[in-house]
Amino acid sequence: MGVPALPLTLVLADDHAAYRALLGDLLRRHGLEVVGEAPDAAALQAWLAPPRVPPDLVLMDVQMPGGGPPFLQALLQAHPGLRVLVLSMHDEPAIVDAMLAAGAAGYLLKDDPVAELADAIRAVAAGQRRLSRALPSSQQ
């Protein structure tokens, strides 16, 4: 997969409005374009519905309402080629493994530095897999 056109576009899917707003501001400072937000799985599905042009990447929380591995798997079946990077506070191997098995292209922790997150977004949008360095070594 080639490198997407710049700036990279992304949708933030997280159930905390203040977190989405602050994260969006920080990512914009790193040259990324937040084109949409969703507080839950249903809103994310609605945002991605045609005729809207899909973003380069969806940055998604694991525990937003309606989210999780089954939702991610269904989302990727409905939108082939969509790249999803999970951003979560959960580092439990079972959760990480389930999201990766469902099709997530990467998994970062909300404690990771913003610069690392911005780099991971670029890498995942370019077709690479990216995992937080803070995950247990068995995940790497």
C-alpha atoms as a PDB file:
ATOM      1  CA  MET A   1       0.000   0.000   0.000  1.00  0.00           C
ATOM      2  CA  GLY A   2       1.349   3.436  -0.915  1.00  0.00           C
ATOM      3  CA  VAL A   3       1.684   6.490   1.238  1.00  0.00           C
ATOM      4  CA  PRO A   4      -1.650   8.377   1.462  1.00  0.00           C
ATOM      5  CA  ALA A   5      -1.888  11.962   0.278  1.00  0.00           C
ATOM      6  CA  LEU A   6      -1.022  14.577   2.861  1.00  0.00           C
ATOM      7  CA  PRO A   7      -2.456  15.700   5.099  1.00  0.00           C
ATOM      8  CA  LEU A   8      -3.687  12.389   6.384  1.00  0.00           C
ATOM      9  CA  THR A   9      -7.371  12.389   7.251  1.00  0.00           C
ATOM     10  CA  LEU A  10      -8.776  10.607  10.248  1.00  0.00           C
ATOM     11  CA  VAL A  11     -11.920  10.133  12.276  1.00  0.00           C
ATOM     12  CA  LEU A  12     -11.708  10.026  16.077  1.00  0.00           C
ATOM     13  CA  ALA A  13     -14.070   7.472  17.640  1.00  0.00           C
ATOM     14  CA  ASP A  14     -14.149   7.785  21.428  1.00  0.00           C
ATOM     15  CA  ASP A  15     -17.010   8.292  23.869  1.00  0.00           C
ATOM     16  CA  HIS A  16     -15.355  11.178  25.726  1.00  0.00           C
ATOM     17  CA  ALA A  17     -16.039  14.487  23.960  1.00  0.00           C
ATOM     18  CA  ALA A  18     -13.367  16.508  25.765  1.00  0.00           C
ATOM     19  CA  TYR A  19     -10.752  13.833  25.029  1.00  0.00           C
ATOM     20  CA  ARG A  20     -11.692  13.831  21.329  1.00  0.00           C
ATOM     21  CA  ALA A  21     -11.442  17.633  21.174  1.00  0.00           C
ATOM     22  CA  LEU A  22      -8.072  17.790  22.927  1.00  0.00           C
ATOM     23  CA  LEU A  23      -6.634  14.879  20.983  1.00  0.00           C
ATOM     24  CA  GLY A  24      -7.839  16.389  17.733  1.00  0.00           C
ATOM     25  CA  ASP A  25      -6.084  19.666  18.531  1.00  0.00           C
ATOM     26  CA  LEU A  26      -2.855  17.846  19.368  1.00  0.00           C
ATOM     27  CA  LEU A  27      -2.958  15.746  16.203  1.00  0.00           C
ATOM     28  CA  ARG A  28      -3.595  18.813  14.049  1.00  0.00           C
ATOM     29  CA  ARG A  29      -0.382  20.270  15.470  1.00  0.00           C
ATOM     30  CA  HIS A  30       1.346  17.188  14.047  1.00  0.00           C
ATOM     31  CA  GLY A  31       0.013  17.860  10.558  1.00  0.00           C
ATOM     32  CA  LEU A  32      -2.937  15.457  10.664  1.00  0.00           C
ATOM     33  CA  GLU A  33      -6.452  16.417   9.601  1.00  0.00           C
ATOM     34  CA  VAL A  34      -9.320  15.303  11.821  1.00  0.00           C
ATOM     35  CA  VAL A  35     -12.307  15.220   9.469  1.00  0.00           C
ATOM     36  CA  GLY A  36     -14.844  13.681  11.838  1.00  0.00           C
ATOM     37  CA  GLU A  37     -15.673  12.465  15.301  1.00  0.00           C
ATOM     38  CA  ALA A  38     -17.918   9.739  16.665  1.00  0.00           C
ATOM     39  CA  PRO A  39     -18.930   9.109  20.288  1.00  0.00           C
ATOM     40  CA  ASP A  40     -20.045   5.514  19.667  1.00  0.00           C
ATOM     41  CA  ALA A  41     -20.162   2.690  17.141  1.00  0.00           C
ATOM     42  CA  ALA A  42     -23.474   3.749  15.587  1.00  0.00           C
ATOM     43  CA  ALA A  43     -22.229   7.302  15.009  1.00  0.00           C
ATOM     44  CA  LEU A  44     -19.030   5.970  13.449  1.00  0.00           C
ATOM     45  CA  GLN A  45     -21.015   3.754  11.079  1.00  0.00           C
ATOM     46  CA  ALA A  46     -23.217   6.711  10.152  1.00  0.00           C
ATOM     47  CA  TRP A  47     -20.184   8.949   9.572  1.00  0.00           C
ATOM     48  CA  LEU A  48     -18.601   6.389   7.231  1.00  0.00           C
ATOM     49  CA  ALA A  49     -21.782   5.815   5.195  1.00  0.00           C
ATOM     50  CA  PRO A  50     -21.622   6.643   1.491  1.00  0.00           C
ATOM     51  CA  PRO A  51     -21.406   8.984  -0.273  1.00  0.00           C
ATOM     52  CA  ARG A  52     -18.864  10.342   2.207  1.00  0.00           C
ATOM     53  CA  VAL A  53     -15.228   9.872   1.205  1.00  0.00           C
ATOM     54  CA  PRO A  54     -13.632   7.523   3.745  1.00  0.00           C
ATOM     55  CA  PRO A  55     -10.775   8.836   5.864  1.00  0.00           C
ATOM     56  CA  ASP A  56      -7.262   7.486   5.628  1.00  0.00           C
ATOM     57  CA  LEU A  57      -7.667   6.065   9.122  1.00  0.00           C
ATOM     58  CA  VAL A  58     -10.048   5.636  12.038  1.00  0.00           C
ATOM     59  CA  LEU A  59      -8.593   6.095  15.511  1.00  0.00           C
ATOM     60  CA  MET A  60     -10.909   4.056  17.741  1.00  0.00           C
ATOM     61  CA  ASP A  61     -11.317   3.419  21.445  1.00  0.00           C
ATOM     62  CA  VAL A  62     -12.027  -0.178  22.493  1.00  0.00           C
ATOM     63  CA  GLN A  63     -14.707   0.626  25.051  1.00  0.00           C
ATOM     64  CA  MET A  64     -16.836   3.211  23.291  1.00  0.00           C
ATOM     65  CA  PRO A  65     -20.523   2.199  23.340  1.00  0.00           C
ATOM     66  CA  GLY A  66     -21.172  -0.520  20.792  1.00  0.00           C
ATOM     67  CA  GLY A  67     -17.460  -0.952  20.096  1.00  0.00           C
ATOM     68  CA  GLY A  68     -15.117  -3.862  20.603  1.00  0.00           C
ATOM     69  CA  PRO A  69     -13.893  -6.730  18.437  1.00  0.00           C
ATOM     70  CA  PRO A  70     -17.243  -7.806  16.905  1.00  0.00           C
ATOM     71  CA  PHE A  71     -17.992  -4.225  15.878  1.00  0.00           C
ATOM     72  CA  LEU A  72     -14.515  -3.743  14.434  1.00  0.00           C
ATOM     73  CA  GLN A  73     -14.772  -6.931  12.409  1.00  0.00           C
ATOM     74  CA  ALA A  74     -18.183  -5.922  11.013  1.00  0.00           C
ATOM     75  CA  LEU A  75     -16.937  -2.393  10.289  1.00  0.00           C
ATOM     76  CA  LEU A  76     -13.991  -3.692   8.285  1.00  0.00           C
ATOM     77  CA  GLN A  77     -16.216  -6.098   6.373  1.00  0.00           C
ATOM     78  CA  ALA A  78     -18.498  -3.179   5.461  1.00  0.00           C
ATOM     79  CA  HIS A  79     -15.545  -0.916   4.570  1.00  0.00           C
ATOM     80  CA  PRO A  80     -12.774  -2.999   2.986  1.00  0.00           C
ATOM     81  CA  GLY A  81      -9.482  -1.164   2.967  1.00  0.00           C
ATOM     82  CA  LEU A  82     -10.346   1.007   5.959  1.00  0.00           C
ATOM     83  CA  ARG A  83      -7.387   1.249   8.323  1.00  0.00           C
ATOM     84  CA  VAL A  84      -8.168   1.260  12.061  1.00  0.00           C
ATOM     85  CA  LEU A  85      -5.722   2.126  14.814  1.00  0.00           C
ATOM     86  CA  VAL A  86      -6.957   1.310  18.302  1.00  0.00           C
ATOM     87  CA  LEU A  87      -6.185   3.813  21.054  1.00  0.00           C
ATOM     88  CA  SER A  88      -7.032   2.470  24.494  1.00  0.00           C
ATOM     89  CA  MET A  89      -6.159   2.586  28.152  1.00  0.00           C
ATOM     90  CA  HIS A  90      -6.328  -1.239  28.231  1.00  0.00           C
ATOM     91  CA  ASP A  91      -3.111  -3.182  27.823  1.00  0.00           C
ATOM     92  CA  GLU A  92      -4.493  -6.614  28.722  1.00  0.00           C
ATOM     93  CA  PRO A  93      -3.223  -9.203  26.226  1.00  0.00           C
ATOM     94  CA  ALA A  94      -6.711 -10.683  25.677  1.00  0.00           C
ATOM     95  CA  ILE A  95      -8.122  -7.288  24.638  1.00  0.00           C
ATOM     96  CA  VAL A  96      -5.152  -6.419  22.433  1.00  0.00           C
ATOM     97  CA  ASP A  97      -5.196  -9.852  20.774  1.00  0.00           C
ATOM     98  CA  ALA A  98      -8.960  -9.696  20.178  1.00  0.00           C
ATOM     99  CA  MET A  99      -8.767  -6.275  18.500  1.00  0.00           C
ATOM    100  CA  LEU A 100      -5.822  -7.310  16.337  1.00  0.00           C
ATOM    101  CA  ALA A 101      -7.602 -10.539  15.373  1.00  0.00           C
ATOM    102  CA  ALA A 102     -10.689  -8.476  14.462  1.00  0.00           C
ATOM    103  CA  GLY A 103      -8.567  -6.517  12.001  1.00  0.00           C
ATOM    104  CA  ALA A 104      -7.042  -3.552  13.811  1.00  0.00           C
ATOM    105  CA  ALA A 105      -3.892  -2.408  12.024  1.00  0.00           C
ATOM    106  CA  GLY A 106      -2.353  -1.211  15.249  1.00  0.00           C
ATOM    107  CA  TYR A 107      -2.882  -0.760  18.966  1.00  0.00           C
ATOM    108  CA  LEU A 108      -1.584   2.132  21.036  1.00  0.00           C
ATOM    109  CA  LEU A 109      -2.175   3.145  24.616  1.00  0.00           C
ATOM    110  CA  LYS A 110      -3.623   6.457  25.714  1.00  0.00           C
ATOM    111  CA  ASP A 111      -0.483   6.914  27.837  1.00  0.00           C
ATOM    112  CA  ASP A 112       1.764   6.862  24.753  1.00  0.00           C
ATOM    113  CA  PRO A 113       3.320  10.216  23.759  1.00  0.00           C
ATOM    114  CA  VAL A 114       1.392  12.218  21.152  1.00  0.00           C
ATOM    115  CA  ALA A 115       4.414  12.248  18.825  1.00  0.00           C
ATOM    116  CA  GLU A 116       4.473   8.421  18.940  1.00  0.00           C
ATOM    117  CA  LEU A 117       0.743   8.367  18.207  1.00  0.00           C
ATOM    118  CA  ALA A 118       1.186  10.713  15.229  1.00  0.00           C
ATOM    119  CA  ASP A 119       3.991   8.499  13.889  1.00  0.00           C
ATOM    120  CA  ALA A 120       1.839   5.394  14.368  1.00  0.00           C
ATOM    121  CA  ILE A 121      -1.054   7.027  12.498  1.00  0.00           C
ATOM    122  CA  ARG A 122       1.224   7.739   9.546  1.00  0.00           C
ATOM    123  CA  ALA A 123       2.660   4.210   9.624  1.00  0.00           C
ATOM    124  CA  VAL A 124      -0.746   2.517   9.813  1.00  0.00           C
ATOM    125  CA  ALA A 125      -2.145   4.741   7.053  1.00  0.00           C
ATOM    126  CA  ALA A 126       0.817   3.644   4.912  1.00  0.00           C
ATOM    127  CA  GLY A 127      -0.039  -0.031   5.436  1.00  0.00           C
ATOM    128  CA  GLN A 128       2.240  -0.881   8.348  1.00  0.00           C
ATOM    129  CA  ARG A 129       1.317  -2.413  11.683  1.00  0.00           C
ATOM    130  CA  ARG A 130       2.145  -0.430  14.806  1.00  0.00           C
ATOM    131  CA  LEU A 131       1.920  -1.488  18.437  1.00  0.00           C
ATOM    132  CA  SER A 132       2.650   0.493  21.563  1.00  0.00           C
ATOM    133  CA  ARG A 133       6.114  -0.091  22.962  1.00  0.00           C
ATOM    134  CA  ALA A 134       4.478  -0.282  26.404  1.00  0.00           C
ATOM    135  CA  LEU A 135       2.531  -3.450  25.567  1.00  0.00           C
ATOM    136  CA  PRO A 136       3.803  -6.695  27.075  1.00  0.00           C
ATOM    137  CA  SER A 137       6.605  -8.193  25.016  1.00  0.00           C
ATOM    138  CA  SER A 138       4.371 -11.117  24.000  1.00  0.00           C
ATOM    139  CA  GLN A 139       2.261  -8.625  22.006  1.00  0.00           C
ATOM    140  CA  GLN A 140       5.202  -7.332  19.992  1.00  0.00           C
END
